[in-house]
Structures are given as C-alpha cells and as structure tokens.
C-alpha cells in the first residue's frame, strides 16, 4: 500500500468526528494537525512505511489547534501540535514530545542584518519598529510576515517572543512555513519566522541575542525561541500508534529528525 498525504483545512478537521478515517484499517494510522510538524511527520511516515510495508499512514495538516481537536474527537489516531498545550487541552489528551524545534527568524539573503534581540523582534512584530535602519539595517520599511491565528508556530512565537504584546494587524499572514519562507525569499524588506528544520539557502537565519539555534544552545536553554513538537493521543498510546511513536523516538526516527534540522526531545 502507498502512503497518502493530504492537507486538510482546519474547518474540515473540526467536522471530522462524523467522518470515516482515511488510511484506517488494520495497522493504519491517521496523523493530523500542525503544519509545522507535517513535513517531518511525512518523512517519518515514509521511512516507517518502508520498514513496515503493511502500515498505511495518512498525514494531514490543519494546524495545531485542529490537531488537538482531532485527537479529542477521535478523528485522528495521532494529533500533532507545535506549541505547549493549554491546561484544558492537556487534561484531555496524552502528549509525547517527539522533537524540539528552534523557531528561527529569517530575512532575505541580501539583508545585511545578522542579529536581533528578542526585544527588537517584539518591537518589529508589534509595529513599534518599522524601519530596518532602526535595527542596524538599510533605510527601508520592514515587511512583517507571520502565521495565521491558531497555528502552533504563531502560538509559540507569541508566547516566547511577544511578551504579552499583540502582533500588528498590518502583518502579512501566511498559512504555512513554506509560504513564509517563500515570501521572505522574494522580498528584501521582509522578516518571518520558521522552523529551524526548514531554513534553506533562499533565506538568511538571524541570531537572537547573539545566539543561533544549535543542539548546545537548545539544550542549555540559551536560545530563546524553543518549542516542542508533540504527538497527541487520546489516552496512553496503544496499538499501531504506539508502535509508530516508539519508532519515531528510537534511533531511526531521531536520526531523521536530526538530519532534518530538529533537536532531540529534552
């Protein structure tokens, strides 16, 4: 059997309790939720399928909040989330940290700025700092790119960087990490945030407070924008879902995570 990958809108996931699971059946697993976790879940699913040919895995997006709901409602065997759970969510699902991500600020490669403080990032995203010259760059307007409300990436960014301030309404909203990266890569005035694991040569990562996201800085807590990648189950993992999660946490799964720029669970 082949692995089927699909992106499901949050609204569809919200209605999923009455829907038949795709990819079900004996040994079948449905994973739904965070679009930040999704590309890595697809890598894990493909490798796992090659090792366990009878396991059909369907990886869907929709956002972290939708992933929590899909888990609670039973629409997914495994939900995925890229932020800390709210207390009311944590009371209803079992969370397993499968990797840790260093959320990374990125700019166009032609931008001479190489480092920002978290306070400067907060000022930029709150709309208090609007010109690159105010943070050591050229005299031009800063085009702020953010994720949509409900995404784990935005939730983690708001918690870790914004200090209670709101992201300015003028920020350009994108619904995936790939879209943020694409927008920044084509706009020399733009700034955005993406998972450390999806940074490529089309954008330039910035240090934060003089620190770049590395295994050492994530482990010692000096890098300021660190978030968990969670797999969620309704109760303790069991059956095929547990087997898959155990494999992801094992040497093969973690080797894939490391190769893709993620860090091991704390």
Protein backbone atom coordinates (compact mmCIF):
# COMPACT_ATOMS: atom_id res chain seq x y z
CA UNK A 1 0.00 0.00 0.00
CA UNK A 2 1.16 3.52 -0.66
CA UNK A 3 1.25 6.34 1.84
CA UNK A 4 -1.30 9.05 1.09
CA UNK A 5 -0.54 12.57 2.14
CA UNK A 6 -3.23 15.25 2.19
CA UNK A 7 -3.65 18.72 3.62
CA UNK A 8 -6.90 19.15 5.45
CA UNK A 9 -8.24 22.59 6.34
CA UNK A 10 -8.95 23.24 9.99
CA UNK A 11 -12.63 23.58 9.27
CA UNK A 12 -12.69 20.11 7.77
CA UNK A 13 -10.90 18.66 10.78
CA UNK A 14 -13.40 20.37 13.06
CA UNK A 15 -16.16 18.44 11.33
CA UNK A 16 -14.20 15.20 11.30
CA UNK A 17 -15.91 13.32 14.17
CA UNK A 18 -18.65 12.16 11.83
CA UNK A 19 -16.26 11.26 9.03
CA UNK A 20 -14.70 7.92 8.31
CA UNK A 21 -10.97 7.94 8.80
CA UNK A 22 -8.83 7.75 5.69
CA UNK A 23 -5.90 5.43 5.91
CA UNK A 24 -7.63 3.29 8.52
CA UNK A 25 -7.83 -0.42 8.75
CA UNK A 26 -5.53 -2.88 10.46
CA UNK A 27 -2.20 -1.20 11.07
CA UNK A 28 -3.41 2.08 9.53
CA UNK A 29 -2.60 5.40 11.20
CA UNK A 30 -4.03 8.87 10.66
CA UNK A 31 -1.88 11.81 11.81
CA UNK A 32 -3.46 15.27 11.74
CA UNK A 33 -2.60 18.75 12.96
CA UNK A 34 0.38 21.08 12.94
CA UNK A 35 1.59 22.23 9.53
CA UNK A 36 4.99 22.81 11.17
CA UNK A 37 5.19 19.16 12.20
CA UNK A 38 3.66 17.92 8.95
CA UNK A 39 6.75 17.82 6.69
CA UNK A 40 8.72 15.96 9.35
CA UNK A 41 5.82 13.59 10.04
CA UNK A 42 5.76 12.83 6.32
CA UNK A 43 9.47 11.96 6.42
CA UNK A 44 8.93 9.70 9.41
CA UNK A 45 5.86 8.11 7.83
CA UNK A 46 7.64 7.36 4.57
CA UNK A 47 10.62 5.78 6.31
CA UNK A 48 8.38 3.81 8.68
CA UNK A 49 6.30 2.53 5.78
CA UNK A 50 9.43 1.29 4.06
CA UNK A 51 10.33 -0.65 7.21
CA UNK A 52 6.77 -1.83 7.88
CA UNK A 53 5.16 -2.33 4.49
CA UNK A 54 1.76 -3.17 5.92
CA UNK A 55 1.36 0.14 7.73
CA UNK A 56 -0.58 2.77 5.83
CA UNK A 57 -0.05 6.25 7.25
CA UNK A 58 -2.10 9.27 6.25
CA UNK A 59 -0.53 12.62 7.26
CA UNK A 60 -2.79 15.66 7.28
CA UNK A 61 -2.33 19.32 8.19
CA UNK A 62 -4.86 21.79 9.51
CA UNK A 63 -2.96 23.45 12.37
CA UNK A 64 -2.07 22.63 15.97
CA UNK A 65 -5.45 23.59 17.40
CA UNK A 66 -7.16 21.40 14.81
CA UNK A 67 -4.77 18.57 15.71
CA UNK A 68 -5.78 18.79 19.36
CA UNK A 69 -9.46 18.73 18.42
CA UNK A 70 -8.98 15.82 16.01
CA UNK A 71 -7.36 13.84 18.83
CA UNK A 72 -10.08 14.63 21.33
CA UNK A 73 -12.85 13.86 18.84
CA UNK A 74 -11.22 10.64 17.67
CA UNK A 75 -10.82 11.86 14.08
CA UNK A 76 -7.08 11.09 14.19
CA UNK A 77 -5.06 8.29 15.74
CA UNK A 78 -2.27 10.78 16.41
CA UNK A 79 -2.65 14.54 16.62
CA UNK A 80 0.33 16.81 16.04
CA UNK A 81 1.00 20.10 17.78
CA UNK A 82 3.90 22.56 17.68
CA UNK A 83 3.23 24.56 20.83
CA UNK A 84 2.72 23.94 24.52
CA UNK A 85 -0.75 22.63 25.29
CA UNK A 86 -3.26 24.77 27.14
CA UNK A 87 -4.31 23.29 30.52
CA UNK A 88 -7.77 22.37 29.25
CA UNK A 89 -6.19 20.60 26.26
CA UNK A 90 -3.61 18.77 28.36
CA UNK A 91 -6.41 17.41 30.53
CA UNK A 92 -7.96 15.63 27.53
CA UNK A 93 -5.00 14.22 25.60
CA UNK A 94 -1.71 12.46 26.22
CA UNK A 95 1.24 14.44 24.80
CA UNK A 96 4.55 12.89 23.74
CA UNK A 97 7.43 15.20 22.80
CA UNK A 98 8.94 13.68 19.65
CA UNK A 99 11.35 16.52 18.81
CA UNK A 100 12.29 20.06 19.77
CA UNK A 101 12.43 22.95 17.31
CA UNK A 102 14.34 26.21 17.40
CA UNK A 103 11.96 28.73 15.85
CA UNK A 104 14.18 30.84 13.60
CA UNK A 105 13.86 34.44 12.42
CA UNK A 106 14.68 34.71 8.71
CA UNK A 107 15.30 37.59 6.30
CA UNK A 108 16.24 37.94 2.65
CA UNK A 109 19.87 36.92 1.94
CA UNK A 110 20.63 40.47 0.76
CA UNK A 111 19.63 41.97 4.10
CA UNK A 112 22.84 42.97 5.96
CA UNK A 113 21.27 42.46 9.42
CA UNK A 114 22.62 39.32 11.07
CA UNK A 115 21.41 39.57 14.68
CA UNK A 116 18.41 40.91 16.55
CA UNK A 117 17.48 40.94 20.21
CA UNK A 118 14.19 39.43 21.29
CA UNK A 119 13.13 42.94 22.33
CA UNK A 120 13.80 44.17 18.78
CA UNK A 121 11.81 41.27 17.32
CA UNK A 122 8.95 42.11 19.66
CA UNK A 123 9.10 45.76 18.61
CA UNK A 124 9.09 44.83 14.93
CA UNK A 125 6.12 42.48 15.24
CA UNK A 126 4.16 44.83 17.50
CA UNK A 127 4.61 47.64 14.98
CA UNK A 128 6.80 49.78 17.25
CA UNK A 129 9.84 49.38 14.96
CA UNK A 130 9.01 49.88 11.29
CA UNK A 131 12.31 50.62 9.52
CA UNK A 132 15.36 48.42 9.13
CA UNK A 133 17.65 51.39 9.88
CA UNK A 134 16.40 51.29 13.48
CA UNK A 135 18.00 47.84 13.97
CA UNK A 136 21.20 48.38 12.03
CA UNK A 137 19.91 47.77 8.52
CA UNK A 138 19.14 49.87 5.43
CA UNK A 139 16.68 52.74 5.37
CA UNK A 140 13.57 50.91 4.25
CA UNK A 141 10.28 49.73 5.66
CA UNK A 142 10.14 46.36 7.40
CA UNK A 143 7.57 43.99 5.91
CA UNK A 144 6.45 41.70 8.73
CA UNK A 145 5.35 38.16 7.84
CA UNK A 146 3.53 35.99 10.37
CA UNK A 147 1.50 32.78 10.58
CA UNK A 148 -2.25 32.51 10.90
CA UNK A 149 -4.10 32.56 14.22
CA UNK A 150 -4.42 29.01 15.54
CA UNK A 151 -1.13 27.76 14.12
CA UNK A 152 1.36 26.28 16.57
CA UNK A 153 4.15 28.38 15.07
CA UNK A 154 2.29 31.61 15.80
CA UNK A 155 1.19 30.45 19.24
CA UNK A 156 4.76 29.58 20.22
CA UNK A 157 6.08 32.83 18.77
CA UNK A 158 3.52 34.89 20.66
CA UNK A 159 4.34 33.09 23.90
CA UNK A 160 8.11 33.16 23.55
CA UNK A 161 8.77 36.46 21.78
CA UNK A 162 5.87 38.85 22.15
CA UNK A 163 5.77 39.22 25.95
CA UNK A 164 2.04 39.86 26.04
CA UNK A 165 2.03 42.29 23.10
CA UNK A 166 -0.13 41.63 20.05
CA UNK A 167 1.20 41.13 16.54
CA UNK A 168 0.35 44.21 14.47
CA UNK A 169 -2.72 43.93 12.28
CA UNK A 170 -0.61 45.13 9.33
CA UNK A 171 1.50 41.94 9.40
CA UNK A 172 1.22 39.77 6.29
CA UNK A 173 -0.37 36.44 7.22
CA UNK A 174 0.71 33.16 5.61
CA UNK A 175 -0.76 29.72 6.31
CA UNK A 176 2.36 27.56 6.14
CA UNK A 177 6.08 27.66 6.84
CA UNK A 178 6.78 27.19 3.15
CA UNK A 179 4.67 30.24 2.32
CA UNK A 180 6.50 32.35 4.94
CA UNK A 181 9.87 31.24 3.58
CA UNK A 182 8.80 31.91 0.01
CA UNK A 183 7.58 35.43 0.82
CA UNK A 184 10.76 36.32 2.69
CA UNK A 185 12.95 34.86 -0.07
CA UNK A 186 11.40 37.21 -2.63
CA UNK A 187 11.24 40.41 -0.53
CA UNK A 188 14.47 42.06 0.65
CA UNK A 189 12.48 44.08 3.22
CA UNK A 190 10.69 41.11 4.81
CA UNK A 191 11.17 39.22 8.08
CA UNK A 192 9.47 36.00 9.13
CA UNK A 193 9.79 33.04 11.49
CA UNK A 194 10.01 29.37 10.51
CA UNK A 195 11.12 26.07 11.97
CA UNK A 196 14.89 25.66 12.13
CA UNK A 197 14.45 22.48 10.12
CA UNK A 198 13.00 24.22 7.04
CA UNK A 199 15.58 27.02 6.73
CA UNK A 200 17.36 26.78 3.39
CA UNK A 201 19.62 28.96 1.23
CA UNK A 202 16.69 31.00 -0.07
CA UNK A 203 16.56 32.87 3.26
CA UNK A 204 19.08 34.02 5.88
CA UNK A 205 18.65 32.95 9.51
CA UNK A 206 19.27 35.57 12.21
CA UNK A 207 20.93 35.11 15.56
CA UNK A 208 18.80 36.12 18.54
CA UNK A 209 20.58 37.90 21.39
CA UNK A 210 23.78 36.84 19.64
CA UNK A 211 22.82 33.16 19.79
CA UNK A 212 22.00 30.78 16.96
CA UNK A 213 19.85 27.66 17.39
CA UNK A 214 22.16 24.67 17.86
CA UNK A 215 21.92 21.46 19.83
CA UNK A 216 24.02 23.03 22.59
CA UNK A 217 22.06 26.29 22.83
CA UNK A 218 18.74 24.46 22.77
CA UNK A 219 19.86 22.01 25.45
CA UNK A 220 21.29 24.67 27.77
CA UNK A 221 18.28 26.95 27.30
CA UNK A 222 20.22 29.95 25.98
CA UNK A 223 18.41 30.06 22.64
CA UNK A 224 15.16 31.92 23.37
CA UNK A 225 12.68 30.52 20.81
CA UNK A 226 12.36 26.82 21.56
CA UNK A 227 9.11 24.90 21.13
CA UNK A 228 8.11 21.24 21.39
CA UNK A 229 6.86 19.09 18.54
CA UNK A 230 4.15 16.92 20.08
CA UNK A 231 2.34 13.77 19.07
CA UNK A 232 -1.03 13.55 20.82
CA UNK A 233 -3.17 10.53 21.61
CA UNK A 234 -6.46 10.12 23.42
CA UNK A 235 -5.10 8.33 26.45
CA UNK A 236 -1.82 6.45 26.50
CA UNK A 237 -0.59 5.43 23.04
CA UNK A 238 -1.65 1.93 22.06
CA UNK A 239 -1.54 -0.41 19.09
CA UNK A 240 -0.13 0.81 15.76
CA UNK A 241 0.01 4.41 17.02
CA UNK A 242 2.25 3.41 19.94
CA UNK A 243 4.47 1.34 17.66
CA UNK A 244 4.93 4.32 15.34
CA UNK A 245 5.59 6.80 18.16
CA UNK A 246 8.10 4.42 19.75
CA UNK A 247 9.88 4.13 16.39
CA UNK A 248 9.98 7.93 15.97
CA UNK A 249 11.55 8.21 19.44
CA UNK A 250 14.04 5.45 18.62
CA UNK A 251 17.40 5.72 16.83
CA UNK A 252 16.00 5.60 13.29
CA UNK A 253 13.30 8.20 13.87
CA UNK A 254 15.60 10.55 15.74
CA UNK A 255 18.29 10.23 13.06
CA UNK A 256 15.73 11.51 10.54
CA UNK A 257 14.78 14.34 12.87
CA UNK A 258 18.40 15.37 13.30
CA UNK A 259 19.04 15.22 9.56
CA UNK A 260 16.03 17.49 9.01
CA UNK A 261 17.28 20.09 11.49
CA UNK A 262 15.28 19.16 14.59
CA UNK A 263 16.65 18.55 18.06
CA UNK A 264 16.03 15.52 20.30
CA UNK A 265 13.33 15.65 23.00
CA UNK A 266 14.53 17.07 26.29
